Amino acid sequence: MKRVLLSIILACLAPAAGLCDTAVDDLKRFDRFATYDFKTQECDADDQGRFQYSCKNIETGDVSGYLNADTFKKSATGRFLEKYWGTGDRLKFIGIACGRGDTESDAKKTATFRAHELVRRAIEGMESNVLIGDFQPLGYRKDEERYRCVAVERGKDTVSNESPPPAADTSSDAGADTSAADAEAERLANQRREREERQRIAAERERQSTMLVFDVKSLDKYAVELSFFSETYRNRVWPGGSQIYLLKDSNVHTYRLNCRKGEKICYGAWRRGNSNSWWGVGYGGQKGCTNCCHICGGSASHTLMAGAETPSGGGSGGNTANALVDILGGVAAGIGAANAVRPRSAPVYRPTPAPTPQGLNRRQSTISGGR
C-alpha cells in the first residue's frame, strides 16, 4: 500500500505525468456519480514553508461480492447498496487538503498525501458502518482515482471555498432511501457495539472465574513469610519453588492468583525463621485452619494478628480472635477493599527454615503478581 501511494505521489510531482494536474473539465466527468463522503483538511500553524498547495483527490468505486439478490430488498441499506452492485453506477469519495513546504514539490507532496488519507478514511468508514451484518460478504472495489493540485497564496484557506458536488440522483425517493440507509447502518453499528460489549463482559467474567484475589495484612512485629496452597490439586503452590511472599509492614498487600475454576486455595503464613508461630495452614500448608481457604473466582481479606512475645506452640493459626478477623476481613473484601491503593508485593527468595516440615511435594504455580 505504501509503495502504491508513493508511486502516485511521485507521478503527481512529475510534470509529464499529468495525474495531479488533471484539467478541471476532466474532473467534471465525475459529477454524474453520487458523492458518498466529502472530507477536508486545512493547513494550520504547525504547517511551515514558503509554498502552499491545495490538492483534491477523487476516487470512485462500486460494491462487489456474492449475495442473494433478495437480501437487498429487505432493508433500506440493501436498496441503497443495490444501486452500486454491478450496475455501472459508482460511489464517489472526495478529499481536499492543504499542504505547505519549503519547495513547491514538498508542498504538493504533503497536500497529495493528506488528500489521499482523507479518502482512505472515508472508504474505511463506509466499509465498517455499512458493509456489516447481512452485507459482510460484500466489499468496496476501487474503479478510478484522480488528483488535481493548485498553488494557493500562503495563509489563505484552500479548502473551505470548495464544496462537494451534489449527488447525481436528487429525487425525493433517493433522498429517503439514503436517509433510511443511514439509519439502518446506525442500527447495525449499534448492534455490533452491543455484541462486542457482551463479548467483553463474558471474557471478563471468564477471566475473573480463573483468578482468586487475596488481601493480606500482618500486625505481627516480626517479618512474616506467606504462601498459598491448593487443597484441590495438592502439588500447586504460589509462588512456589524456593520463593515466598514477605510481609515486613502493616500495609495491606494484594495477591492475584491464577487458578482453575472451583479450585480451593488456602493461605499459610509463619514468622520468618520460626515456622512454629503460624497463621492459616502455616509453613508447607500442614496446619489446620478456620476460614483460611477460598474458592477460585472470588476474593478474600485476612489480617494476621500479632503472635506471642516468645513464639512457641501452635501459634496464631488456631486463634479464635484471628478467625473472627478473617471473617470480617472477607466481608470487607466483598465491598471493595481490593480496589484500594496497595504496595507492591513481589516474591522473594529465602533460606529454608529449620526444622523443615515433612509436607507434600508441591511444584511452582502461576501468579500474576501482587501489588
Protein backbone atom coordinates (compact mmCIF):
# COMPACT_ATOMS: atom_id res chain seq x y z
CA MET A 1 0.00 0.00 0.00
CA LYS A 2 2.82 2.39 0.87
CA ARG A 3 4.52 1.64 -2.44
CA VAL A 4 1.31 2.36 -4.36
CA LEU A 5 0.84 5.66 -2.53
CA LEU A 6 4.47 6.62 -3.09
CA SER A 7 4.19 5.90 -6.80
CA ILE A 8 1.07 8.08 -7.01
CA ILE A 9 2.79 10.96 -5.24
CA LEU A 10 5.88 10.67 -7.46
CA ALA A 11 3.67 10.63 -10.53
CA CYS A 12 1.96 13.76 -9.25
CA LEU A 13 5.29 15.52 -8.91
CA ALA A 14 6.37 14.62 -12.45
CA PRO A 15 5.19 17.38 -14.83
CA ALA A 16 4.83 14.97 -17.74
CA ALA A 17 2.57 12.59 -15.87
CA GLY A 18 -0.37 14.96 -15.58
CA LEU A 19 -2.00 12.84 -12.85
CA CYS A 20 -2.30 15.69 -10.36
CA ASP A 21 -2.63 18.43 -12.93
CA THR A 22 -5.79 16.99 -14.41
CA ALA A 23 -7.87 19.65 -16.07
CA VAL A 24 -10.91 20.89 -14.18
CA ASP A 25 -13.14 19.84 -17.10
CA ASP A 26 -11.75 16.32 -16.79
CA LEU A 27 -12.78 16.15 -13.11
CA LYS A 28 -16.29 17.28 -14.01
CA ARG A 29 -16.97 13.92 -15.57
CA PHE A 30 -17.13 12.59 -12.02
CA ASP A 31 -20.09 14.85 -11.25
CA ARG A 32 -22.51 12.28 -12.62
CA PHE A 33 -21.68 10.00 -9.66
CA ALA A 34 -23.21 10.42 -6.22
CA THR A 35 -20.82 11.74 -3.57
CA TYR A 36 -20.86 9.33 -0.66
CA ASP A 37 -18.39 11.27 1.54
CA PHE A 38 -16.50 14.55 1.33
CA LYS A 39 -13.65 15.34 3.75
CA THR A 40 -11.36 18.35 4.05
CA GLN A 41 -8.23 19.40 5.92
CA GLU A 42 -6.87 22.95 6.20
CA CYS A 43 -3.29 23.96 6.96
CA ASP A 44 -2.63 25.17 10.49
CA ALA A 45 0.10 26.92 12.45
CA ASP A 46 2.21 23.76 12.57
CA ASP A 47 2.48 23.69 8.76
CA GLN A 48 5.62 25.58 7.76
CA GLY A 49 7.09 26.54 4.39
CA ARG A 50 7.06 29.27 1.74
CA PHE A 51 4.75 27.44 -0.66
CA GLN A 52 1.17 26.31 -0.19
CA TYR A 53 -0.85 23.90 -2.34
CA SER A 54 -4.38 22.58 -2.33
CA CYS A 55 -4.93 19.08 -3.69
CA LYS A 56 -8.21 17.35 -4.43
CA ASN A 57 -8.38 13.57 -4.53
CA ILE A 58 -11.43 11.91 -6.12
CA GLU A 59 -11.91 8.17 -6.03
CA THR A 60 -14.83 6.18 -7.40
CA GLY A 61 -15.76 2.55 -6.93
CA ASP A 62 -18.63 0.12 -6.69
CA VAL A 63 -19.81 -2.72 -4.46
CA SER A 64 -18.77 -6.25 -5.34
CA GLY A 65 -19.15 -9.73 -3.92
CA TYR A 66 -21.67 -12.56 -3.94
CA LEU A 67 -25.01 -12.01 -2.21
CA ASN A 68 -28.51 -13.30 -2.79
CA ALA A 69 -30.33 -10.57 -4.70
CA ASP A 70 -33.35 -10.87 -2.40
CA THR A 71 -31.20 -9.72 0.53
CA PHE A 72 -31.03 -6.24 -0.97
CA LYS A 73 -34.81 -5.94 -0.89
CA LYS A 74 -35.10 -6.47 2.86
CA SER A 75 -33.79 -3.12 4.11
CA ALA A 76 -33.07 0.45 3.12
CA THR A 77 -29.34 -0.28 3.35
CA GLY A 78 -29.79 -3.12 0.88
CA ARG A 79 -31.73 -0.97 -1.56
CA PHE A 80 -29.03 1.70 -1.31
CA LEU A 81 -26.18 -0.77 -1.94
CA GLU A 82 -28.01 -2.48 -4.79
CA LYS A 83 -27.61 0.65 -6.90
CA TYR A 84 -23.83 0.13 -6.84
CA TRP A 85 -23.75 -3.68 -7.09
CA GLY A 86 -22.72 -4.49 -10.66
CA THR A 87 -24.84 -1.71 -12.20
CA GLY A 88 -22.11 0.52 -13.59
CA ASP A 89 -23.00 3.27 -11.12
CA ARG A 90 -20.25 4.43 -8.78
CA LEU A 91 -19.81 5.67 -5.23
CA LYS A 92 -17.62 8.75 -5.05
CA PHE A 93 -15.27 9.85 -2.26
CA ILE A 94 -13.61 13.27 -2.23
CA GLY A 95 -10.74 14.57 -0.11
CA ILE A 96 -9.36 18.11 -0.34
CA ALA A 97 -6.29 19.02 1.71
CA CYS A 98 -3.80 21.82 2.17
CA GLY A 99 -0.03 21.34 2.27
CA ARG A 100 2.97 23.61 2.81
CA GLY A 101 6.67 23.19 2.16
CA ASP A 102 9.93 24.98 1.50
CA THR A 103 9.63 23.92 -2.13
CA GLU A 104 6.63 23.55 -4.40
CA SER A 105 7.37 19.85 -4.66
CA ASP A 106 7.27 19.42 -0.86
CA ALA A 107 4.03 21.41 -0.54
CA LYS A 108 2.36 19.41 -3.29
CA LYS A 109 3.58 16.12 -1.81
CA THR A 110 2.12 16.97 1.62
CA ALA A 111 -1.23 18.06 0.19
CA THR A 112 -1.43 14.98 -2.03
CA PHE A 113 -0.74 12.60 0.83
CA ARG A 114 -3.30 14.28 3.09
CA ALA A 115 -5.99 14.22 0.44
CA HIS A 116 -5.34 10.53 -0.19
CA GLU A 117 -5.58 9.78 3.56
CA LEU A 118 -8.90 11.63 3.81
CA VAL A 119 -10.36 9.46 1.05
CA ARG A 120 -8.91 6.30 2.57
CA ARG A 121 -10.53 7.04 5.95
CA ALA A 122 -13.86 7.83 4.26
CA ILE A 123 -13.82 4.46 2.47
CA GLU A 124 -12.90 2.61 5.67
CA GLY A 125 -15.78 4.34 7.44
CA MET A 126 -18.22 3.20 4.76
CA GLU A 127 -16.96 -0.39 4.94
CA SER A 128 -17.12 -0.59 8.76
CA ASN A 129 -20.54 1.10 9.10
CA VAL A 130 -22.46 -0.15 6.04
CA LEU A 131 -20.89 -3.40 4.82
CA ILE A 132 -21.81 -5.27 8.01
CA GLY A 133 -24.45 -7.76 9.08
CA ASP A 134 -26.13 -9.31 6.05
CA PHE A 135 -23.82 -7.32 3.81
CA GLN A 136 -20.48 -8.56 5.18
CA PRO A 137 -19.89 -10.72 2.07
CA LEU A 138 -19.72 -7.52 0.01
CA GLY A 139 -16.73 -5.25 -0.39
CA TYR A 140 -15.78 -1.92 -1.89
CA ARG A 141 -13.96 -2.18 -5.24
CA LYS A 142 -11.93 0.78 -6.46
CA ASP A 143 -12.55 1.87 -10.04
CA GLU A 144 -10.67 5.14 -10.65
CA GLU A 145 -8.68 7.79 -8.80
CA ARG A 146 -7.63 11.30 -9.87
CA TYR A 147 -5.83 14.25 -8.26
CA ARG A 148 -5.77 17.93 -9.03
CA CYS A 149 -3.32 20.27 -7.23
CA VAL A 150 -3.19 24.06 -7.44
CA ALA A 151 -0.87 26.60 -5.87
CA VAL A 152 -2.57 28.90 -3.36
CA GLU A 153 -1.42 32.11 -1.74
CA ARG A 154 0.08 31.24 1.63
CA GLY A 155 -2.22 31.88 4.56
CA LYS A 156 -5.47 31.64 2.60
CA ASP A 157 -7.94 28.85 3.16
CA THR A 158 -7.58 26.29 0.43
CA VAL A 159 -10.45 24.01 1.31
CA SER A 160 -13.41 25.95 2.66
CA ASN A 161 -14.04 27.61 -0.70
CA GLU A 162 -14.68 24.21 -2.23
CA SER A 163 -17.99 22.42 -1.81
CA PRO A 164 -18.93 18.85 -2.60
CA PRO A 165 -20.82 18.40 -5.87
CA PRO A 166 -24.41 17.32 -5.41
CA ALA A 167 -25.33 13.69 -5.76
CA ALA A 168 -26.37 12.69 -9.25
CA ASP A 169 -29.79 11.44 -8.13
CA THR A 170 -31.56 14.11 -6.07
CA SER A 171 -35.09 12.78 -6.29
CA SER A 172 -37.14 12.57 -3.10
CA ASP A 173 -37.18 8.78 -3.29
CA ALA A 174 -33.40 8.65 -3.49
CA GLY A 175 -33.08 11.04 -0.56
CA ALA A 176 -35.46 8.94 1.50
CA ASP A 177 -33.55 5.79 0.62
CA THR A 178 -30.25 7.41 1.62
CA SER A 179 -31.66 8.60 4.96
CA ALA A 180 -33.14 5.20 5.64
CA ALA A 181 -29.85 3.58 4.69
CA ASP A 182 -28.01 5.81 7.17
CA ALA A 183 -30.49 4.87 9.88
CA GLU A 184 -30.13 1.18 9.06
CA ALA A 185 -26.33 1.49 9.10
CA GLU A 186 -26.50 3.16 12.52
CA ARG A 187 -28.77 0.40 13.82
CA LEU A 188 -26.36 -2.28 12.61
CA ALA A 189 -23.42 -0.39 14.09
CA ASN A 190 -25.23 -0.24 17.46
CA GLN A 191 -25.89 -3.96 17.27
CA ARG A 192 -22.23 -4.59 16.59
CA ARG A 193 -21.17 -2.41 19.55
CA GLU A 194 -23.64 -4.18 21.85
CA ARG A 195 -22.39 -7.57 20.68
CA GLU A 196 -18.77 -6.54 21.30
CA GLU A 197 -19.69 -5.26 24.78
CA ARG A 198 -21.41 -8.55 25.64
CA GLN A 199 -18.35 -10.44 24.44
CA ARG A 200 -16.09 -8.19 26.53
CA ILE A 201 -18.21 -8.75 29.66
CA ALA A 202 -18.26 -12.51 29.07
CA ALA A 203 -14.48 -12.53 28.63
CA GLU A 204 -14.03 -10.51 31.82
CA ARG A 205 -16.27 -12.90 33.76
CA GLU A 206 -14.29 -15.83 32.37
CA ARG A 207 -11.05 -14.16 33.44
CA GLN A 208 -12.37 -13.45 36.94
CA SER A 209 -13.55 -17.05 37.31
CA THR A 210 -9.94 -18.19 36.96
CA MET A 211 -8.45 -15.75 39.48
CA LEU A 212 -8.52 -15.58 43.27
CA VAL A 213 -7.58 -12.29 44.96
CA PHE A 214 -6.14 -12.32 48.49
CA ASP A 215 -5.67 -9.16 50.58
CA VAL A 216 -3.32 -9.90 53.47
CA LYS A 217 -2.23 -7.60 56.31
CA SER A 218 0.20 -8.51 59.09
CA LEU A 219 0.08 -6.88 62.55
CA ASP A 220 2.91 -9.01 63.90
CA LYS A 221 6.06 -7.14 64.93
CA TYR A 222 8.25 -9.69 63.16
CA ALA A 223 8.62 -10.21 59.43
CA VAL A 224 6.16 -12.80 58.19
CA GLU A 225 6.54 -15.18 55.26
CA LEU A 226 3.49 -16.12 53.20
CA SER A 227 2.49 -18.74 50.62
CA PHE A 228 -0.74 -20.06 49.13
CA PHE A 229 -1.57 -23.76 48.78
CA SER A 230 -4.12 -25.56 46.63
CA GLU A 231 -6.30 -28.00 48.52
CA THR A 232 -7.81 -29.31 45.26
CA TYR A 233 -4.54 -30.00 43.43
CA ARG A 234 -2.06 -30.86 46.14
CA ASN A 235 1.01 -30.14 44.01
CA ARG A 236 0.17 -26.46 43.37
CA VAL A 237 1.60 -23.63 45.46
CA TRP A 238 2.07 -19.88 44.99
CA PRO A 239 4.65 -18.51 44.35
CA GLY A 240 6.28 -21.94 44.63
CA GLY A 241 9.78 -23.30 44.41
CA SER A 242 12.19 -21.55 46.77
CA GLN A 243 10.16 -18.33 46.78
CA ILE A 244 7.80 -16.85 49.33
CA TYR A 245 5.98 -13.56 49.83
CA LEU A 246 7.44 -11.40 52.60
CA LEU A 247 5.32 -9.12 54.82
CA LYS A 248 7.56 -6.56 56.55
CA ASP A 249 4.97 -3.88 57.37
CA SER A 250 1.34 -3.48 58.40
CA ASN A 251 0.10 -2.45 54.97
CA VAL A 252 -2.47 -4.45 53.02
CA HIS A 253 -0.83 -6.48 50.27
CA THR A 254 -2.84 -7.83 47.33
CA TYR A 255 -2.07 -11.14 45.60
CA ARG A 256 -3.83 -12.20 42.39
CA LEU A 257 -3.54 -15.92 41.88
CA ASN A 258 -4.20 -17.53 38.50
CA CYS A 259 -6.21 -20.64 39.35
CA ARG A 260 -8.68 -23.15 37.96
CA LYS A 261 -12.46 -22.98 38.23
CA GLY A 262 -13.63 -24.50 41.51
CA GLU A 263 -10.10 -24.80 42.89
CA LYS A 264 -9.81 -24.38 46.69
CA ILE A 265 -6.79 -22.38 47.83
CA CYS A 266 -5.57 -21.71 51.40
CA TYR A 267 -3.10 -19.19 52.71
CA GLY A 268 -0.27 -20.17 55.03
CA ALA A 269 1.95 -17.72 56.92
CA TRP A 270 4.69 -18.02 59.56
CA ARG A 271 7.25 -15.87 61.28
CA ARG A 272 10.44 -15.57 59.34
CA GLY A 273 12.97 -18.01 60.71
CA ASN A 274 10.47 -19.65 63.08
CA SER A 275 7.73 -21.69 61.49
CA ASN A 276 6.36 -22.66 64.92
CA SER A 277 4.43 -19.37 65.06
CA TRP A 278 1.96 -19.60 62.19
CA TRP A 279 -1.31 -18.39 60.64
CA GLY A 280 -3.71 -20.16 58.28
CA VAL A 281 -2.33 -23.54 57.22
CA GLY A 282 1.20 -22.50 58.27
CA TYR A 283 4.51 -23.39 56.72
CA GLY A 284 4.19 -26.03 54.00
CA GLY A 285 0.38 -25.96 54.27
CA GLN A 286 0.48 -28.59 57.06
CA LYS A 287 -1.74 -26.98 59.72
CA GLY A 288 -5.48 -26.92 60.17
CA CYS A 289 -7.32 -23.62 59.95
CA THR A 290 -10.68 -21.88 60.14
CA ASN A 291 -11.82 -19.74 57.20
CA CYS A 292 -8.38 -19.59 55.58
CA CYS A 293 -9.37 -21.35 52.33
CA HIS A 294 -11.35 -19.88 49.42
CA ILE A 295 -12.67 -20.94 46.02
CA CYS A 296 -11.17 -19.68 42.75
CA GLY A 297 -13.17 -16.86 41.22
CA GLY A 298 -13.62 -14.72 44.32
CA SER A 299 -11.69 -12.57 46.76
CA ALA A 300 -10.77 -12.71 50.44
CA SER A 301 -9.19 -10.49 53.07
CA HIS A 302 -7.14 -11.68 56.06
CA THR A 303 -5.42 -9.87 58.92
CA LEU A 304 -2.61 -11.73 60.69
CA MET A 305 -2.92 -10.77 64.35
CA ALA A 306 0.22 -10.31 66.47
CA GLY A 307 1.56 -13.57 67.90
CA ALA A 308 3.04 -14.33 71.32
CA GLU A 309 6.06 -12.42 72.60
CA THR A 310 8.02 -15.67 72.67
CA PRO A 311 6.95 -17.73 69.66
CA SER A 312 6.05 -21.26 70.63
CA GLY A 313 3.46 -23.96 70.08
CA GLY A 314 0.52 -23.73 67.74
CA GLY A 315 0.82 -20.00 67.09
CA SER A 316 -2.00 -17.88 65.72
CA GLY A 317 -3.37 -20.41 63.28
CA GLY A 318 -5.83 -21.80 65.78
CA ASN A 319 -6.64 -18.49 67.45
CA THR A 320 -10.39 -17.75 67.69
CA ALA A 321 -9.81 -13.98 67.50
CA ASN A 322 -7.85 -14.43 64.30
CA ALA A 323 -10.68 -16.48 62.80
CA LEU A 324 -13.12 -13.66 63.59
CA VAL A 325 -10.80 -11.13 61.94
CA ASP A 326 -10.61 -13.43 58.91
CA ILE A 327 -14.42 -13.47 58.63
CA LEU A 328 -14.72 -9.70 58.98
CA GLY A 329 -11.87 -9.27 56.52
CA GLY A 330 -13.67 -11.45 54.00
CA VAL A 331 -16.75 -9.22 54.25
CA ALA A 332 -14.60 -6.14 53.76
CA ALA A 333 -13.16 -7.66 50.60
CA GLY A 334 -16.66 -8.01 49.22
CA ILE A 335 -17.35 -4.27 49.49
CA GLY A 336 -14.32 -3.11 47.56
CA ALA A 337 -11.29 -3.38 49.83
CA ALA A 338 -9.37 -4.91 46.95
CA ASN A 339 -9.69 -1.71 44.96
CA ALA A 340 -7.62 0.40 47.41
CA VAL A 341 -4.07 1.51 46.50
CA ARG A 342 -1.76 -1.19 47.77
CA PRO A 343 2.04 -1.55 48.00
CA ARG A 344 3.65 -3.91 45.51
CA SER A 345 4.31 -7.39 46.90
CA ALA A 346 6.79 -9.46 44.93
CA PRO A 347 8.10 -12.96 45.67
CA VAL A 348 11.48 -13.11 47.43
CA TYR A 349 13.96 -15.93 47.92
CA ARG A 350 14.67 -17.21 51.39
CA PRO A 351 16.76 -19.94 53.01
CA THR A 352 14.81 -23.00 54.05
CA PRO A 353 13.85 -22.55 57.75
CA ALA A 354 14.65 -25.24 60.27
CA PRO A 355 13.14 -27.55 61.15
CA THR A 356 11.78 -28.46 57.75
CA PRO A 357 8.24 -29.91 57.98
CA GLN A 358 7.71 -33.21 56.19
CA GLY A 359 4.99 -31.91 53.85
CA LEU A 360 3.86 -32.97 50.43
CA ASN A 361 5.99 -32.22 47.41
CA ARG A 362 4.50 -29.16 45.71
CA ARG A 363 5.50 -27.59 42.41
CA GLN A 364 5.54 -23.94 41.46
CA SER A 365 2.28 -22.48 40.13
CA THR A 366 1.49 -19.28 38.25
CA ILE A 367 0.64 -15.88 39.68
CA SER A 368 0.10 -12.54 38.06
CA GLY A 369 1.87 -10.72 40.86
CA GLY A 370 0.87 -8.68 43.88
CA ARG A 371 0.77 -5.00 44.41
